[in-house]
Each structure stands twice: as structure tokens, then as C-alpha cells.
Amino acid sequence: MIRKMSRKNMLVGLAAAGVLGVGIAAPTVALADNKSPAPSASASTDQGTDRQQKQADRQNKFAEELAKELGVPTDKVTAALEKLKEQHKGDRPERPANKDRQEKMKERQADRQAQLKERLDQAVKDGKLTQEQADAVLKAVEAGVFPGPGARAHHGGWDRNGK
């Protein structure tokens, strides 16, 4: 039995397909228009200064555009922006150092593994697992076989193959 598609349903379907097409095409076009070279892996040491330079360039461009819009000299706008930046500097929370984050991550990982060991010990005690099975699970977790934040070799989630 063949059903006729109403005009309304057909238009909705075409609109959805159009939105989907634009959603896929727009990022592709945006990436294709990017004339700046991609940073190389060997330039990782210069990444911090490069990032600071890009930020300074964006700030200068913003100050120039704002000055043009307001009809004020660029140096006056730049000085005002710097002044506001200094005034609000204390409002932003300080980011923890990279070493601190790594230490906290290692502590959390150790806590998760300790909790897993407790649960596995309880499963062995309850007769749900053998000690050999519990040891195999712990060994697999330590080797990074299981996906997720606790794994060393794989950070979070499943890969594209569903493994």
C-alpha cells in the first residue's frame, strides 16, 4: 500500500535536509578558507608564546575596530581596555598549575582503583567472582584495557569501532 506524502511533510523533510546540508557544509567551507598554516608538533614549545601573540593581535584588532566605531583614537581605547583588564584581574579565579592538576588526577585515579579493588574483594567474598577473575580485572584496569578516565592509555569514552 502506497501512502501519499502530504505537501507539509515533504516541505518539512526538505527543510530538515537543507539545514543538515548547511550544518555539514558550513564548517567544511570555514576550514577550507583558513589560510593560516597549522601549527606543527615540533613547535609545541613556542605554543605558549604563539597563543599570547595571537591573543594580543586579536585585542589590538578589537581595539582598532572599537576606536573606529566610537570615533576615538586607538591608543585611548587600548589604554582603557588595559585599565579594565587590570581592574578585573582579581575577579578571575587562578588556574591551578599543570603539575597540580596532574597530581590531583593521579590521586583520583588511585582512589578509583582502590574503590574498584574494594568492590572486587567484596565480590570475591560474596562468591560472585574468583580471586583469579578479580586479579585479572585489576590487571586489565592498570594496563589501560578498559576505556574511561581511569585508564592510562585511553582517555574517556568508547572509540569509533564500539570497543
N, C-alpha and C. Protein backbone atom coordinates (compact mmCIF):
# COMPACT_ATOMS: atom_id res chain seq x y z
N MET A 1 0.84 -1.16 0.00
CA MET A 1 0.00 0.00 0.00
C MET A 1 0.89 1.24 0.00
N ILE A 2 0.66 2.10 -0.92
CA ILE A 2 1.47 3.31 -1.06
C ILE A 2 0.71 4.47 -0.45
N ARG A 3 1.38 5.18 0.44
CA ARG A 3 0.77 6.37 1.06
C ARG A 3 1.28 7.59 0.35
N LYS A 4 0.41 8.52 0.17
CA LYS A 4 0.83 9.79 -0.41
C LYS A 4 1.43 10.65 0.69
N MET A 5 2.51 11.31 0.35
CA MET A 5 3.15 12.20 1.31
C MET A 5 2.49 13.57 1.18
N SER A 6 2.08 14.10 2.30
CA SER A 6 1.45 15.41 2.25
C SER A 6 2.49 16.48 1.90
N ARG A 7 2.01 17.55 1.36
CA ARG A 7 2.90 18.64 0.96
C ARG A 7 3.64 19.18 2.18
N LYS A 8 2.93 19.27 3.31
CA LYS A 8 3.53 19.78 4.54
C LYS A 8 4.69 18.89 4.99
N ASN A 9 4.48 17.59 4.99
CA ASN A 9 5.54 16.66 5.41
C ASN A 9 6.72 16.72 4.46
N MET A 10 6.45 16.87 3.17
CA MET A 10 7.53 16.95 2.21
C MET A 10 8.35 18.23 2.42
N LEU A 11 7.68 19.35 2.67
CA LEU A 11 8.39 20.59 2.91
C LEU A 11 9.22 20.53 4.19
N VAL A 12 8.66 19.92 5.22
CA VAL A 12 9.40 19.77 6.47
C VAL A 12 10.64 18.91 6.24
N GLY A 13 10.49 17.84 5.49
CA GLY A 13 11.63 16.97 5.19
C GLY A 13 12.70 17.69 4.39
N LEU A 14 12.27 18.46 3.39
CA LEU A 14 13.23 19.21 2.59
C LEU A 14 13.93 20.27 3.43
N ALA A 15 13.19 20.94 4.32
CA ALA A 15 13.80 21.95 5.19
C ALA A 15 14.83 21.30 6.11
N ALA A 16 14.49 20.15 6.65
CA ALA A 16 15.42 19.45 7.54
C ALA A 16 16.68 19.04 6.78
N ALA A 17 16.49 18.57 5.56
CA ALA A 17 17.65 18.18 4.75
C ALA A 17 18.51 19.39 4.42
N GLY A 18 17.86 20.53 4.15
CA GLY A 18 18.62 21.75 3.88
C GLY A 18 19.43 22.21 5.07
N VAL A 19 18.81 22.17 6.25
CA VAL A 19 19.51 22.57 7.47
C VAL A 19 20.68 21.63 7.72
N LEU A 20 20.45 20.35 7.53
CA LEU A 20 21.52 19.37 7.72
C LEU A 20 22.66 19.62 6.73
N GLY A 21 22.30 19.91 5.47
CA GLY A 21 23.33 20.19 4.46
C GLY A 21 24.15 21.41 4.80
N VAL A 22 23.49 22.47 5.27
CA VAL A 22 24.22 23.68 5.66
C VAL A 22 25.08 23.39 6.88
N GLY A 23 24.55 22.62 7.81
CA GLY A 23 25.31 22.28 9.02
C GLY A 23 26.58 21.51 8.72
N ILE A 24 26.54 20.72 7.67
CA ILE A 24 27.72 19.95 7.29
C ILE A 24 28.66 20.79 6.42
N ALA A 25 28.09 21.58 5.52
CA ALA A 25 28.90 22.32 4.57
C ALA A 25 29.58 23.53 5.20
N ALA A 26 28.92 24.21 6.14
CA ALA A 26 29.47 25.45 6.70
C ALA A 26 30.83 25.22 7.37
N PRO A 27 30.98 24.23 8.25
CA PRO A 27 32.30 24.03 8.86
C PRO A 27 33.36 23.63 7.82
N THR A 28 32.94 22.89 6.81
CA THR A 28 33.90 22.49 5.77
C THR A 28 34.42 23.70 5.02
N VAL A 29 33.51 24.60 4.66
CA VAL A 29 33.91 25.83 3.96
C VAL A 29 34.77 26.69 4.87
N ALA A 30 34.39 26.79 6.14
CA ALA A 30 35.16 27.61 7.08
C ALA A 30 36.58 27.07 7.22
N LEU A 31 36.72 25.76 7.29
CA LEU A 31 38.06 25.17 7.40
C LEU A 31 38.84 25.33 6.11
N ALA A 32 38.16 25.27 4.98
CA ALA A 32 38.85 25.41 3.70
C ALA A 32 39.35 26.83 3.49
N ASP A 33 38.64 27.82 4.04
CA ASP A 33 39.04 29.21 3.89
C ASP A 33 40.18 29.61 4.82
N ASN A 34 40.52 28.79 5.76
CA ASN A 34 41.57 29.11 6.72
C ASN A 34 42.92 29.10 6.01
N LYS A 35 43.50 30.26 5.83
CA LYS A 35 44.78 30.38 5.11
C LYS A 35 45.99 30.24 6.03
N SER A 36 45.75 30.29 7.35
CA SER A 36 46.89 30.22 8.27
C SER A 36 47.41 28.79 8.34
N PRO A 37 48.71 28.63 8.44
CA PRO A 37 49.28 27.28 8.49
C PRO A 37 48.98 26.64 9.84
N ALA A 38 48.80 25.34 9.80
CA ALA A 38 48.54 24.61 11.04
C ALA A 38 49.83 24.53 11.85
N PRO A 39 49.74 24.62 13.18
CA PRO A 39 50.94 24.53 14.00
C PRO A 39 51.52 23.12 13.93
N SER A 40 52.82 23.04 13.85
CA SER A 40 53.46 21.73 13.78
C SER A 40 53.68 21.19 15.18
N ALA A 41 53.88 19.89 15.25
CA ALA A 41 54.10 19.26 16.54
C ALA A 41 55.43 19.70 17.14
N SER A 42 56.40 20.04 16.31
CA SER A 42 57.71 20.45 16.81
C SER A 42 57.66 21.84 17.43
N ALA A 43 56.62 22.59 17.14
CA ALA A 43 56.50 23.95 17.65
C ALA A 43 55.77 24.00 18.97
N SER A 44 55.66 22.88 19.68
CA SER A 44 54.92 22.84 20.92
C SER A 44 55.54 23.73 22.00
N THR A 45 56.84 23.95 21.95
CA THR A 45 57.48 24.81 22.94
C THR A 45 57.12 26.27 22.71
N ASP A 46 56.89 26.64 21.45
CA ASP A 46 56.53 28.01 21.14
C ASP A 46 55.03 28.25 21.24
N GLN A 47 54.28 27.22 21.60
CA GLN A 47 52.84 27.31 21.60
C GLN A 47 52.34 28.36 22.59
N GLY A 48 52.94 28.45 23.74
CA GLY A 48 52.52 29.43 24.73
C GLY A 48 52.72 30.85 24.25
N THR A 49 53.89 31.15 23.69
CA THR A 49 54.15 32.49 23.19
C THR A 49 53.32 32.77 21.94
N ASP A 50 53.11 31.75 21.12
CA ASP A 50 52.29 31.92 19.93
C ASP A 50 50.85 32.24 20.32
N ARG A 51 50.35 31.56 21.32
CA ARG A 51 49.00 31.81 21.81
C ARG A 51 48.88 33.23 22.36
N GLN A 52 49.89 33.66 23.10
CA GLN A 52 49.88 35.02 23.64
C GLN A 52 49.93 36.06 22.52
N GLN A 53 50.71 35.77 21.48
CA GLN A 53 50.80 36.69 20.35
C GLN A 53 49.47 36.79 19.62
N LYS A 54 48.81 35.66 19.42
CA LYS A 54 47.51 35.67 18.75
C LYS A 54 46.48 36.43 19.57
N GLN A 55 46.53 36.25 20.88
CA GLN A 55 45.60 36.96 21.75
C GLN A 55 45.87 38.47 21.68
N ALA A 56 47.12 38.86 21.69
CA ALA A 56 47.46 40.28 21.60
C ALA A 56 47.01 40.86 20.26
N ASP A 57 47.18 40.08 19.18
CA ASP A 57 46.73 40.54 17.87
C ASP A 57 45.21 40.73 17.84
N ARG A 58 44.49 39.78 18.44
CA ARG A 58 43.03 39.91 18.49
C ARG A 58 42.61 41.12 19.30
N GLN A 59 43.30 41.36 20.42
CA GLN A 59 42.98 42.52 21.26
C GLN A 59 43.24 43.82 20.50
N ASN A 60 44.36 43.88 19.78
CA ASN A 60 44.67 45.09 19.01
C ASN A 60 43.64 45.33 17.92
N LYS A 61 43.24 44.28 17.24
CA LYS A 61 42.24 44.41 16.19
C LYS A 61 40.92 44.88 16.79
N PHE A 62 40.54 44.30 17.93
CA PHE A 62 39.32 44.70 18.60
C PHE A 62 39.38 46.17 19.00
N ALA A 63 40.50 46.58 19.56
CA ALA A 63 40.66 47.98 19.98
C ALA A 63 40.57 48.92 18.78
N GLU A 64 41.16 48.53 17.66
CA GLU A 64 41.11 49.37 16.46
C GLU A 64 39.68 49.50 15.95
N GLU A 65 38.96 48.38 15.91
CA GLU A 65 37.57 48.41 15.43
C GLU A 65 36.68 49.21 16.37
N LEU A 66 36.90 49.04 17.67
CA LEU A 66 36.11 49.78 18.66
C LEU A 66 36.41 51.28 18.55
N ALA A 67 37.66 51.62 18.40
CA ALA A 67 38.05 53.03 18.27
C ALA A 67 37.41 53.63 17.02
N LYS A 68 37.41 52.89 15.95
CA LYS A 68 36.82 53.38 14.70
C LYS A 68 35.32 53.59 14.88
N GLU A 69 34.67 52.64 15.54
CA GLU A 69 33.23 52.72 15.76
C GLU A 69 32.86 53.91 16.66
N LEU A 70 33.68 54.14 17.68
CA LEU A 70 33.38 55.22 18.62
C LEU A 70 33.94 56.57 18.17
N GLY A 71 34.82 56.57 17.21
CA GLY A 71 35.43 57.81 16.75
C GLY A 71 36.44 58.35 17.75
N VAL A 72 37.16 57.44 18.39
CA VAL A 72 38.14 57.78 19.42
C VAL A 72 39.50 57.24 18.96
N PRO A 73 40.61 57.86 19.36
CA PRO A 73 41.93 57.33 18.98
C PRO A 73 42.15 55.91 19.53
N THR A 74 42.82 55.09 18.75
CA THR A 74 43.05 53.69 19.12
C THR A 74 43.84 53.55 20.41
N ASP A 75 44.85 54.42 20.60
CA ASP A 75 45.66 54.30 21.82
C ASP A 75 44.83 54.58 23.07
N LYS A 76 43.83 55.43 22.96
CA LYS A 76 42.96 55.73 24.10
C LYS A 76 42.09 54.51 24.45
N VAL A 77 41.57 53.85 23.42
CA VAL A 77 40.76 52.65 23.63
C VAL A 77 41.63 51.53 24.21
N THR A 78 42.83 51.37 23.69
CA THR A 78 43.74 50.34 24.18
C THR A 78 44.07 50.57 25.65
N ALA A 79 44.34 51.82 26.02
CA ALA A 79 44.64 52.14 27.41
C ALA A 79 43.44 51.84 28.30
N ALA A 80 42.24 52.17 27.83
CA ALA A 80 41.04 51.90 28.63
C ALA A 80 40.82 50.40 28.81
N LEU A 81 41.05 49.63 27.75
CA LEU A 81 40.89 48.18 27.85
C LEU A 81 41.91 47.57 28.81
N GLU A 82 43.15 48.04 28.76
CA GLU A 82 44.19 47.55 29.68
C GLU A 82 43.82 47.88 31.12
N LYS A 83 43.31 49.08 31.34
CA LYS A 83 42.91 49.51 32.68
C LYS A 83 41.80 48.60 33.21
N LEU A 84 40.80 48.33 32.37
CA LEU A 84 39.71 47.44 32.79
C LEU A 84 40.21 46.02 33.04
N LYS A 85 41.14 45.59 32.21
CA LYS A 85 41.70 44.24 32.38
C LYS A 85 42.40 44.13 33.74
N GLU A 86 43.17 45.14 34.10
CA GLU A 86 43.87 45.14 35.39
C GLU A 86 42.88 45.19 36.56
N GLN A 87 41.82 45.99 36.40
CA GLN A 87 40.83 46.11 37.48
C GLN A 87 40.12 44.78 37.72
N HIS A 88 39.86 44.05 36.66
CA HIS A 88 39.09 42.80 36.79
C HIS A 88 39.98 41.57 36.90
N LYS A 89 41.27 41.77 36.97
CA LYS A 89 42.20 40.64 37.05
C LYS A 89 41.95 39.81 38.32
N GLY A 90 41.65 40.48 39.41
CA GLY A 90 41.41 39.77 40.67
C GLY A 90 40.09 39.04 40.70
N ASP A 91 39.18 39.37 39.79
CA ASP A 91 37.87 38.72 39.77
C ASP A 91 37.93 37.30 39.24
N ARG A 92 38.93 37.00 38.41
CA ARG A 92 39.04 35.68 37.81
C ARG A 92 39.75 34.73 38.77
N PRO A 93 39.21 33.52 38.93
CA PRO A 93 39.91 32.56 39.77
C PRO A 93 41.21 32.12 39.11
N GLU A 94 42.21 31.88 39.91
CA GLU A 94 43.51 31.47 39.39
C GLU A 94 43.46 30.01 38.99
N ARG A 95 44.01 29.72 37.85
CA ARG A 95 44.05 28.34 37.39
C ARG A 95 45.14 27.59 38.14
N PRO A 96 44.85 26.34 38.46
CA PRO A 96 45.91 25.55 39.11
C PRO A 96 47.02 25.24 38.11
N ALA A 97 48.20 25.11 38.61
CA ALA A 97 49.34 24.81 37.75
C ALA A 97 49.16 23.42 37.15
N ASN A 98 49.80 23.17 36.05
CA ASN A 98 49.66 21.90 35.35
C ASN A 98 50.09 20.74 36.24
N LYS A 99 51.15 20.93 37.03
CA LYS A 99 51.61 19.87 37.92
C LYS A 99 50.56 19.55 38.97
N ASP A 100 49.89 20.58 39.49
CA ASP A 100 48.84 20.35 40.48
C ASP A 100 47.70 19.53 39.89
N ARG A 101 47.31 19.86 38.66
CA ARG A 101 46.23 19.11 38.01
C ARG A 101 46.64 17.67 37.79
N GLN A 102 47.88 17.45 37.38
CA GLN A 102 48.35 16.08 37.14
C GLN A 102 48.39 15.30 38.44
N GLU A 103 48.83 15.94 39.52
CA GLU A 103 48.87 15.26 40.81
C GLU A 103 47.47 14.89 41.28
N LYS A 104 46.53 15.83 41.12
CA LYS A 104 45.15 15.54 41.52
C LYS A 104 44.56 14.42 40.68
N MET A 105 44.87 14.41 39.39
CA MET A 105 44.37 13.37 38.51
C MET A 105 44.92 12.00 38.94
N LYS A 106 46.20 11.96 39.29
CA LYS A 106 46.79 10.70 39.75
C LYS A 106 46.16 10.24 41.07
N GLU A 107 45.88 11.21 41.96
CA GLU A 107 45.24 10.87 43.23
C GLU A 107 43.84 10.30 42.99
N ARG A 108 43.08 10.94 42.09
CA ARG A 108 41.73 10.45 41.78
C ARG A 108 41.79 9.06 41.16
N GLN A 109 42.77 8.86 40.29
CA GLN A 109 42.91 7.55 39.66
C GLN A 109 43.23 6.49 40.71
N ALA A 110 44.12 6.82 41.63
CA ALA A 110 44.46 5.87 42.69
C ALA A 110 43.24 5.58 43.57
N ASP A 111 42.45 6.63 43.86
CA ASP A 111 41.23 6.43 44.66
C ASP A 111 40.24 5.52 43.95
N ARG A 112 40.07 5.74 42.63
CA ARG A 112 39.14 4.90 41.87
C ARG A 112 39.61 3.45 41.85
N GLN A 113 40.91 3.26 41.69
CA GLN A 113 41.43 1.89 41.66
C GLN A 113 41.27 1.23 43.04
N ALA A 114 41.45 2.00 44.11
CA ALA A 114 41.27 1.46 45.45
C ALA A 114 39.80 1.07 45.67
N GLN A 115 38.89 1.92 45.20
CA GLN A 115 37.46 1.60 45.33
C GLN A 115 37.11 0.36 44.52
N LEU A 116 37.67 0.25 43.32
CA LEU A 116 37.43 -0.92 42.49
C LEU A 116 37.94 -2.17 43.19
N LYS A 117 39.13 -2.06 43.78
CA LYS A 117 39.69 -3.22 44.49
C LYS A 117 38.79 -3.65 45.64
N GLU A 118 38.25 -2.66 46.37
CA GLU A 118 37.32 -2.99 47.47
C GLU A 118 36.08 -3.71 46.94
N ARG A 119 35.52 -3.21 45.83
CA ARG A 119 34.32 -3.84 45.26
C ARG A 119 34.64 -5.25 44.77
N LEU A 120 35.81 -5.41 44.15
CA LEU A 120 36.18 -6.74 43.68
C LEU A 120 36.42 -7.70 44.85
N ASP A 121 37.04 -7.20 45.92
CA ASP A 121 37.25 -8.03 47.10
C ASP A 121 35.91 -8.48 47.69
N GLN A 122 34.94 -7.55 47.70
CA GLN A 122 33.61 -7.89 48.22
C GLN A 122 32.93 -8.92 47.32
N ALA A 123 33.12 -8.80 45.99
CA ALA A 123 32.54 -9.76 45.05
C ALA A 123 33.16 -11.14 45.24
N VAL A 124 34.46 -11.19 45.54
CA VAL A 124 35.12 -12.47 45.81
C VAL A 124 34.58 -13.05 47.11
N LYS A 125 34.43 -12.20 48.12
CA LYS A 125 33.92 -12.64 49.42
C LYS A 125 32.49 -13.18 49.29
N ASP A 126 31.67 -12.52 48.43
CA ASP A 126 30.29 -12.94 48.24
C ASP A 126 30.16 -14.15 47.32
N GLY A 127 31.27 -14.56 46.70
CA GLY A 127 31.25 -15.72 45.82
C GLY A 127 30.83 -15.40 44.39
N LYS A 128 30.75 -14.14 44.04
CA LYS A 128 30.35 -13.76 42.69
C LYS A 128 31.52 -13.85 41.71
N LEU A 129 32.74 -13.70 42.21
CA LEU A 129 33.95 -13.79 41.39
C LEU A 129 34.96 -14.66 42.11
N THR A 130 35.88 -15.22 41.31
CA THR A 130 37.01 -15.91 41.92
C THR A 130 38.12 -14.87 42.11
N GLN A 131 39.09 -15.20 42.95
CA GLN A 131 40.21 -14.28 43.16
C GLN A 131 40.99 -14.07 41.87
N GLU A 132 41.10 -15.12 41.05
CA GLU A 132 41.80 -15.00 39.78
C GLU A 132 41.10 -14.01 38.84
N GLN A 133 39.75 -14.07 38.83
CA GLN A 133 38.99 -13.14 38.00
C GLN A 133 39.18 -11.69 38.48
N ALA A 134 39.13 -11.49 39.78
CA ALA A 134 39.32 -10.14 40.35
C ALA A 134 40.71 -9.62 40.03
N ASP A 135 41.71 -10.49 40.15
CA ASP A 135 43.08 -10.07 39.82
C ASP A 135 43.21 -9.71 38.34
N ALA A 136 42.52 -10.47 37.48
CA ALA A 136 42.57 -10.19 36.04
C ALA A 136 41.93 -8.83 35.73
N VAL A 137 40.83 -8.51 36.40
CA VAL A 137 40.17 -7.22 36.19
C VAL A 137 41.10 -6.09 36.63
N LEU A 138 41.71 -6.23 37.81
CA LEU A 138 42.63 -5.20 38.29
C LEU A 138 43.81 -5.02 37.34
N LYS A 139 44.34 -6.13 36.86
CA LYS A 139 45.47 -6.06 35.94
C LYS A 139 45.06 -5.36 34.64
N ALA A 140 43.86 -5.64 34.15
CA ALA A 140 43.37 -5.01 32.92
C ALA A 140 43.18 -3.51 33.12
N VAL A 141 42.66 -3.11 34.27
CA VAL A 141 42.45 -1.68 34.56
C VAL A 141 43.80 -0.97 34.62
N GLU A 142 44.75 -1.56 35.30
CA GLU A 142 46.08 -0.95 35.42
C GLU A 142 46.78 -0.84 34.07
N ALA A 143 46.49 -1.78 33.17
CA ALA A 143 47.12 -1.77 31.84
C ALA A 143 46.40 -0.82 30.89
N GLY A 144 45.25 -0.30 31.30
CA GLY A 144 44.52 0.64 30.45
C GLY A 144 43.66 -0.03 29.41
N VAL A 145 43.27 -1.28 29.66
CA VAL A 145 42.45 -2.01 28.70
C VAL A 145 41.03 -1.43 28.66
N PHE A 146 40.49 -1.06 29.80
CA PHE A 146 39.14 -0.54 29.86
C PHE A 146 39.14 0.95 29.54
N PRO A 147 38.16 1.39 28.74
CA PRO A 147 38.08 2.82 28.42
C PRO A 147 37.59 3.60 29.63
N GLY A 148 37.84 4.87 29.61
CA GLY A 148 37.35 5.74 30.68
C GLY A 148 38.48 6.49 31.32
N PRO A 149 38.11 7.39 32.25
CA PRO A 149 39.11 8.26 32.86
C PRO A 149 40.15 7.51 33.68
N GLY A 150 39.84 6.30 34.14
CA GLY A 150 40.80 5.58 34.96
C GLY A 150 41.89 4.90 34.14
N ALA A 151 41.64 4.75 32.85
CA ALA A 151 42.60 4.06 32.00
C ALA A 151 43.74 5.00 31.64
N ARG A 152 44.93 4.48 31.66
CA ARG A 152 46.09 5.31 31.33
C ARG A 152 46.22 5.52 29.83
N ALA A 153 45.93 4.48 29.06
CA ALA A 153 46.19 4.54 27.62
C ALA A 153 45.03 5.16 26.84
N HIS A 154 43.86 5.27 27.44
CA HIS A 154 42.69 5.72 26.70
C HIS A 154 41.90 6.67 27.58
N HIS A 155 41.72 7.88 27.14
CA HIS A 155 41.05 8.88 27.97
C HIS A 155 39.61 9.06 27.57
N GLY A 156 38.72 8.36 28.22
CA GLY A 156 37.30 8.61 28.14
C GLY A 156 36.61 8.03 26.92
N GLY A 157 35.47 7.42 27.19
CA GLY A 157 34.57 7.02 26.14
C GLY A 157 35.02 5.84 25.31
N TRP A 158 34.15 5.45 24.42
CA TRP A 158 34.41 4.34 23.51
C TRP A 158 35.00 4.89 22.23
N ASP A 159 35.77 4.08 21.54
CA ASP A 159 36.30 4.53 20.27
C ASP A 159 35.23 4.36 19.18
N ARG A 160 35.53 4.73 17.97
CA ARG A 160 34.54 4.74 16.89
C ARG A 160 34.11 3.33 16.48
N ASN A 161 34.87 2.34 16.81
CA ASN A 161 34.52 0.97 16.43
C ASN A 161 33.65 0.30 17.48
N GLY A 162 33.26 1.04 18.53
CA GLY A 162 32.40 0.49 19.57
C GLY A 162 33.13 -0.42 20.52
N LYS A 163 34.43 -0.30 20.61
CA LYS A 163 35.22 -1.15 21.50
C LYS A 163 35.64 -0.38 22.72
